[in-house]
N, C-alpha and C. Protein backbone atom coordinates (compact mmCIF):
# COMPACT_ATOMS: atom_id res chain seq x y z
N UNK A 1 -28.94 -15.28 -19.04
CA UNK A 1 -27.50 -15.10 -18.98
C UNK A 1 -27.10 -13.64 -19.17
N UNK A 2 -27.89 -12.88 -19.93
CA UNK A 2 -27.55 -11.47 -20.17
C UNK A 2 -27.64 -10.66 -18.89
N UNK A 3 -28.62 -10.97 -18.04
CA UNK A 3 -28.73 -10.24 -16.77
C UNK A 3 -27.52 -10.52 -15.89
N UNK A 4 -27.04 -11.74 -15.93
CA UNK A 4 -25.86 -12.10 -15.14
C UNK A 4 -24.63 -11.37 -15.66
N UNK A 5 -24.48 -11.26 -16.96
CA UNK A 5 -23.34 -10.53 -17.52
C UNK A 5 -23.43 -9.05 -17.18
N UNK A 6 -24.64 -8.49 -17.19
CA UNK A 6 -24.80 -7.10 -16.82
C UNK A 6 -24.43 -6.85 -15.38
N UNK A 7 -24.73 -7.80 -14.51
CA UNK A 7 -24.36 -7.67 -13.11
C UNK A 7 -22.84 -7.65 -12.95
N UNK A 8 -22.17 -8.55 -13.65
CA UNK A 8 -20.71 -8.58 -13.55
C UNK A 8 -20.07 -7.32 -14.10
N UNK A 9 -20.59 -6.80 -15.19
CA UNK A 9 -19.99 -5.58 -15.72
C UNK A 9 -20.29 -4.39 -14.84
N UNK A 10 -21.39 -4.43 -14.08
CA UNK A 10 -21.67 -3.31 -13.19
C UNK A 10 -20.75 -3.32 -11.97
N UNK A 11 -20.22 -4.48 -11.60
CA UNK A 11 -19.28 -4.56 -10.49
C UNK A 11 -17.92 -4.01 -10.92
N UNK A 12 -17.52 -4.33 -12.14
CA UNK A 12 -16.23 -3.87 -12.64
C UNK A 12 -16.31 -2.41 -13.04
N UNK A 13 -15.20 -1.87 -13.43
CA UNK A 13 -15.11 -0.44 -13.70
C UNK A 13 -15.87 0.00 -14.94
N UNK A 14 -16.21 -0.90 -15.81
CA UNK A 14 -16.94 -0.52 -17.02
C UNK A 14 -15.99 0.03 -18.06
N UNK A 15 -16.30 1.19 -18.60
CA UNK A 15 -15.47 1.79 -19.65
C UNK A 15 -14.25 2.50 -19.10
N UNK A 16 -14.30 2.92 -17.86
CA UNK A 16 -13.18 3.63 -17.25
C UNK A 16 -12.16 2.61 -16.75
N UNK A 17 -11.06 2.46 -17.46
CA UNK A 17 -10.07 1.44 -17.12
C UNK A 17 -9.22 1.80 -15.91
N UNK A 18 -9.16 3.07 -15.55
CA UNK A 18 -8.31 3.49 -14.44
C UNK A 18 -9.06 3.55 -13.12
N UNK A 19 -10.34 3.32 -13.13
CA UNK A 19 -11.13 3.30 -11.91
C UNK A 19 -11.02 1.92 -11.28
N UNK A 20 -10.68 1.84 -9.99
CA UNK A 20 -10.53 0.51 -9.36
C UNK A 20 -11.87 -0.19 -9.21
N UNK A 21 -11.83 -1.50 -9.31
CA UNK A 21 -13.04 -2.28 -9.13
C UNK A 21 -13.29 -2.51 -7.65
N UNK A 22 -14.44 -3.04 -7.34
CA UNK A 22 -14.80 -3.36 -5.95
C UNK A 22 -13.80 -4.33 -5.35
N UNK A 23 -13.42 -5.34 -6.12
CA UNK A 23 -12.50 -6.37 -5.62
C UNK A 23 -11.10 -5.81 -5.39
N UNK A 24 -10.68 -4.86 -6.21
CA UNK A 24 -9.38 -4.23 -6.00
C UNK A 24 -9.38 -3.38 -4.74
N UNK A 25 -10.48 -2.73 -4.44
CA UNK A 25 -10.56 -1.94 -3.21
C UNK A 25 -10.50 -2.82 -1.97
N UNK A 26 -11.19 -3.96 -2.01
CA UNK A 26 -11.15 -4.91 -0.88
C UNK A 26 -9.74 -5.47 -0.72
N UNK A 27 -9.09 -5.82 -1.82
CA UNK A 27 -7.72 -6.36 -1.75
C UNK A 27 -6.75 -5.33 -1.20
N UNK A 28 -6.95 -4.06 -1.54
CA UNK A 28 -6.09 -3.00 -1.03
C UNK A 28 -6.22 -2.86 0.48
N UNK A 29 -7.43 -2.92 0.98
CA UNK A 29 -7.64 -2.83 2.43
C UNK A 29 -7.00 -4.01 3.16
N UNK A 30 -7.12 -5.20 2.60
CA UNK A 30 -6.52 -6.37 3.23
C UNK A 30 -5.00 -6.29 3.18
N UNK A 31 -4.45 -5.75 2.10
CA UNK A 31 -3.00 -5.61 1.99
C UNK A 31 -2.47 -4.61 3.01
N UNK A 32 -3.20 -3.52 3.23
CA UNK A 32 -2.78 -2.53 4.21
C UNK A 32 -2.72 -3.11 5.62
N UNK A 33 -3.67 -4.00 5.95
CA UNK A 33 -3.68 -4.61 7.27
C UNK A 33 -2.50 -5.56 7.47
N UNK A 34 -2.06 -6.20 6.41
CA UNK A 34 -0.97 -7.17 6.50
C UNK A 34 0.39 -6.49 6.35
N UNK A 35 0.44 -5.41 5.59
CA UNK A 35 1.70 -4.78 5.24
C UNK A 35 2.40 -4.13 6.43
N UNK A 36 1.66 -3.44 7.26
CA UNK A 36 2.29 -2.72 8.37
C UNK A 36 2.99 -3.65 9.37
N UNK A 37 2.38 -4.76 9.82
CA UNK A 37 3.12 -5.65 10.73
C UNK A 37 4.35 -6.30 10.08
N UNK A 38 4.25 -6.60 8.79
CA UNK A 38 5.40 -7.20 8.09
C UNK A 38 6.56 -6.21 8.01
N UNK A 39 6.25 -4.96 7.68
CA UNK A 39 7.29 -3.93 7.62
C UNK A 39 7.86 -3.65 9.01
N UNK A 40 7.01 -3.68 10.01
CA UNK A 40 7.47 -3.47 11.38
C UNK A 40 8.46 -4.55 11.79
N UNK A 41 8.19 -5.79 11.40
CA UNK A 41 9.09 -6.90 11.70
C UNK A 41 10.44 -6.70 11.01
N UNK A 42 10.42 -6.30 9.74
CA UNK A 42 11.67 -6.06 9.02
C UNK A 42 12.48 -4.92 9.63
N UNK A 43 11.79 -3.86 10.05
CA UNK A 43 12.49 -2.74 10.68
C UNK A 43 13.11 -3.16 12.00
N UNK A 44 12.40 -3.98 12.77
CA UNK A 44 12.95 -4.47 14.04
C UNK A 44 14.20 -5.32 13.83
N UNK A 45 14.17 -6.17 12.82
CA UNK A 45 15.35 -6.99 12.50
C UNK A 45 16.51 -6.11 12.05
N UNK A 46 16.20 -5.13 11.19
CA UNK A 46 17.23 -4.23 10.68
C UNK A 46 17.80 -3.36 11.79
N UNK A 47 16.95 -2.95 12.73
CA UNK A 47 17.40 -2.09 13.82
C UNK A 47 18.39 -2.80 14.74
N UNK A 48 18.25 -4.10 14.90
CA UNK A 48 19.18 -4.85 15.75
C UNK A 48 20.58 -4.91 15.15
N UNK A 49 20.70 -4.80 13.84
CA UNK A 49 21.99 -4.93 13.18
C UNK A 49 22.62 -3.60 12.81
N UNK A 50 21.97 -2.49 13.12
CA UNK A 50 22.44 -1.18 12.68
C UNK A 50 23.49 -0.63 13.64
N UNK A 51 24.45 0.10 13.10
CA UNK A 51 25.51 0.67 13.93
C UNK A 51 25.37 2.20 13.98
N UNK A 52 24.86 2.80 12.92
CA UNK A 52 24.77 4.26 12.82
C UNK A 52 23.74 4.81 13.81
N UNK A 53 24.13 5.74 14.68
CA UNK A 53 23.18 6.29 15.64
C UNK A 53 22.09 7.15 15.00
N UNK A 54 22.41 7.82 13.88
CA UNK A 54 21.41 8.65 13.22
C UNK A 54 20.29 7.80 12.64
N UNK A 55 20.66 6.74 11.97
CA UNK A 55 19.66 5.85 11.39
C UNK A 55 18.90 5.10 12.48
N UNK A 56 19.57 4.82 13.56
CA UNK A 56 18.93 4.13 14.68
C UNK A 56 17.82 4.98 15.30
N UNK A 57 18.05 6.29 15.44
CA UNK A 57 17.00 7.14 16.00
C UNK A 57 15.80 7.25 15.05
N UNK A 58 16.06 7.22 13.75
CA UNK A 58 14.95 7.24 12.79
C UNK A 58 14.12 5.97 12.89
N UNK A 59 14.78 4.84 13.01
CA UNK A 59 14.06 3.57 13.09
C UNK A 59 13.38 3.38 14.45
N UNK A 60 13.88 4.05 15.49
CA UNK A 60 13.24 3.95 16.80
C UNK A 60 11.87 4.62 16.82
N UNK A 61 11.71 5.67 16.05
CA UNK A 61 10.39 6.32 15.98
C UNK A 61 9.61 5.68 14.82
N UNK A 62 8.89 4.63 15.14
CA UNK A 62 8.23 3.80 14.14
C UNK A 62 7.17 4.56 13.35
N UNK A 63 6.38 5.39 14.01
CA UNK A 63 5.30 6.10 13.33
C UNK A 63 5.84 7.05 12.27
N UNK A 64 6.92 7.73 12.57
CA UNK A 64 7.53 8.65 11.61
C UNK A 64 8.09 7.88 10.42
N UNK A 65 8.75 6.77 10.69
CA UNK A 65 9.32 5.96 9.62
C UNK A 65 8.22 5.41 8.72
N UNK A 66 7.16 4.89 9.31
CA UNK A 66 6.08 4.29 8.51
C UNK A 66 5.35 5.35 7.70
N UNK A 67 5.12 6.52 8.27
CA UNK A 67 4.45 7.60 7.56
C UNK A 67 5.30 8.09 6.39
N UNK A 68 6.59 8.24 6.61
CA UNK A 68 7.49 8.66 5.52
C UNK A 68 7.55 7.61 4.42
N UNK A 69 7.58 6.35 4.79
CA UNK A 69 7.61 5.28 3.80
C UNK A 69 6.34 5.27 2.96
N UNK A 70 5.19 5.40 3.62
CA UNK A 70 3.91 5.42 2.88
C UNK A 70 3.80 6.66 1.99
N UNK A 71 4.32 7.79 2.46
CA UNK A 71 4.26 9.00 1.66
C UNK A 71 5.11 8.86 0.40
N UNK A 72 6.28 8.26 0.52
CA UNK A 72 7.13 8.03 -0.65
C UNK A 72 6.47 7.03 -1.59
N UNK A 73 5.92 5.97 -1.05
CA UNK A 73 5.28 4.94 -1.87
C UNK A 73 4.06 5.48 -2.61
N UNK A 74 3.20 6.20 -1.92
CA UNK A 74 2.00 6.73 -2.57
C UNK A 74 2.33 7.89 -3.49
N UNK A 75 3.36 8.67 -3.16
CA UNK A 75 3.79 9.75 -4.06
C UNK A 75 4.33 9.22 -5.37
N UNK A 76 5.09 8.14 -5.31
CA UNK A 76 5.61 7.56 -6.55
C UNK A 76 4.48 6.95 -7.38
N UNK A 77 3.46 6.41 -6.72
CA UNK A 77 2.31 5.87 -7.44
C UNK A 77 1.56 6.98 -8.17
N UNK A 78 1.37 8.11 -7.51
CA UNK A 78 0.67 9.23 -8.14
C UNK A 78 1.48 9.78 -9.31
N UNK A 79 2.79 9.89 -9.15
CA UNK A 79 3.62 10.38 -10.25
C UNK A 79 3.61 9.44 -11.44
N UNK A 80 3.59 8.13 -11.19
CA UNK A 80 3.56 7.17 -12.30
C UNK A 80 2.21 7.14 -12.99
N UNK A 81 1.13 7.38 -12.27
CA UNK A 81 -0.21 7.38 -12.88
C UNK A 81 -0.44 8.61 -13.75
N UNK A 82 0.23 9.72 -13.44
CA UNK A 82 0.04 10.93 -14.23
C UNK A 82 0.70 10.80 -15.59
N UNK A 83 1.74 10.00 -15.70
CA UNK A 83 2.44 9.85 -16.99
C UNK A 83 1.67 8.99 -17.87
């Protein structure tokens, strides 16, 4: 049983609590694959109801909108982890 426990602890981060585990990395990759189409669907729905031409041009360029959204999201994560 001790060898089995050692195997499980070697998969997890061990003493470093802020290091992601193997399973967290896999979950992050799966979330990224699902997140972009879901956000694209929400932007398409929102774009149909928008009246402002300035906001409409921003939403029409999907790559710019998605990149800016990810940059804000990951920037806030980095700022929160430093505190």
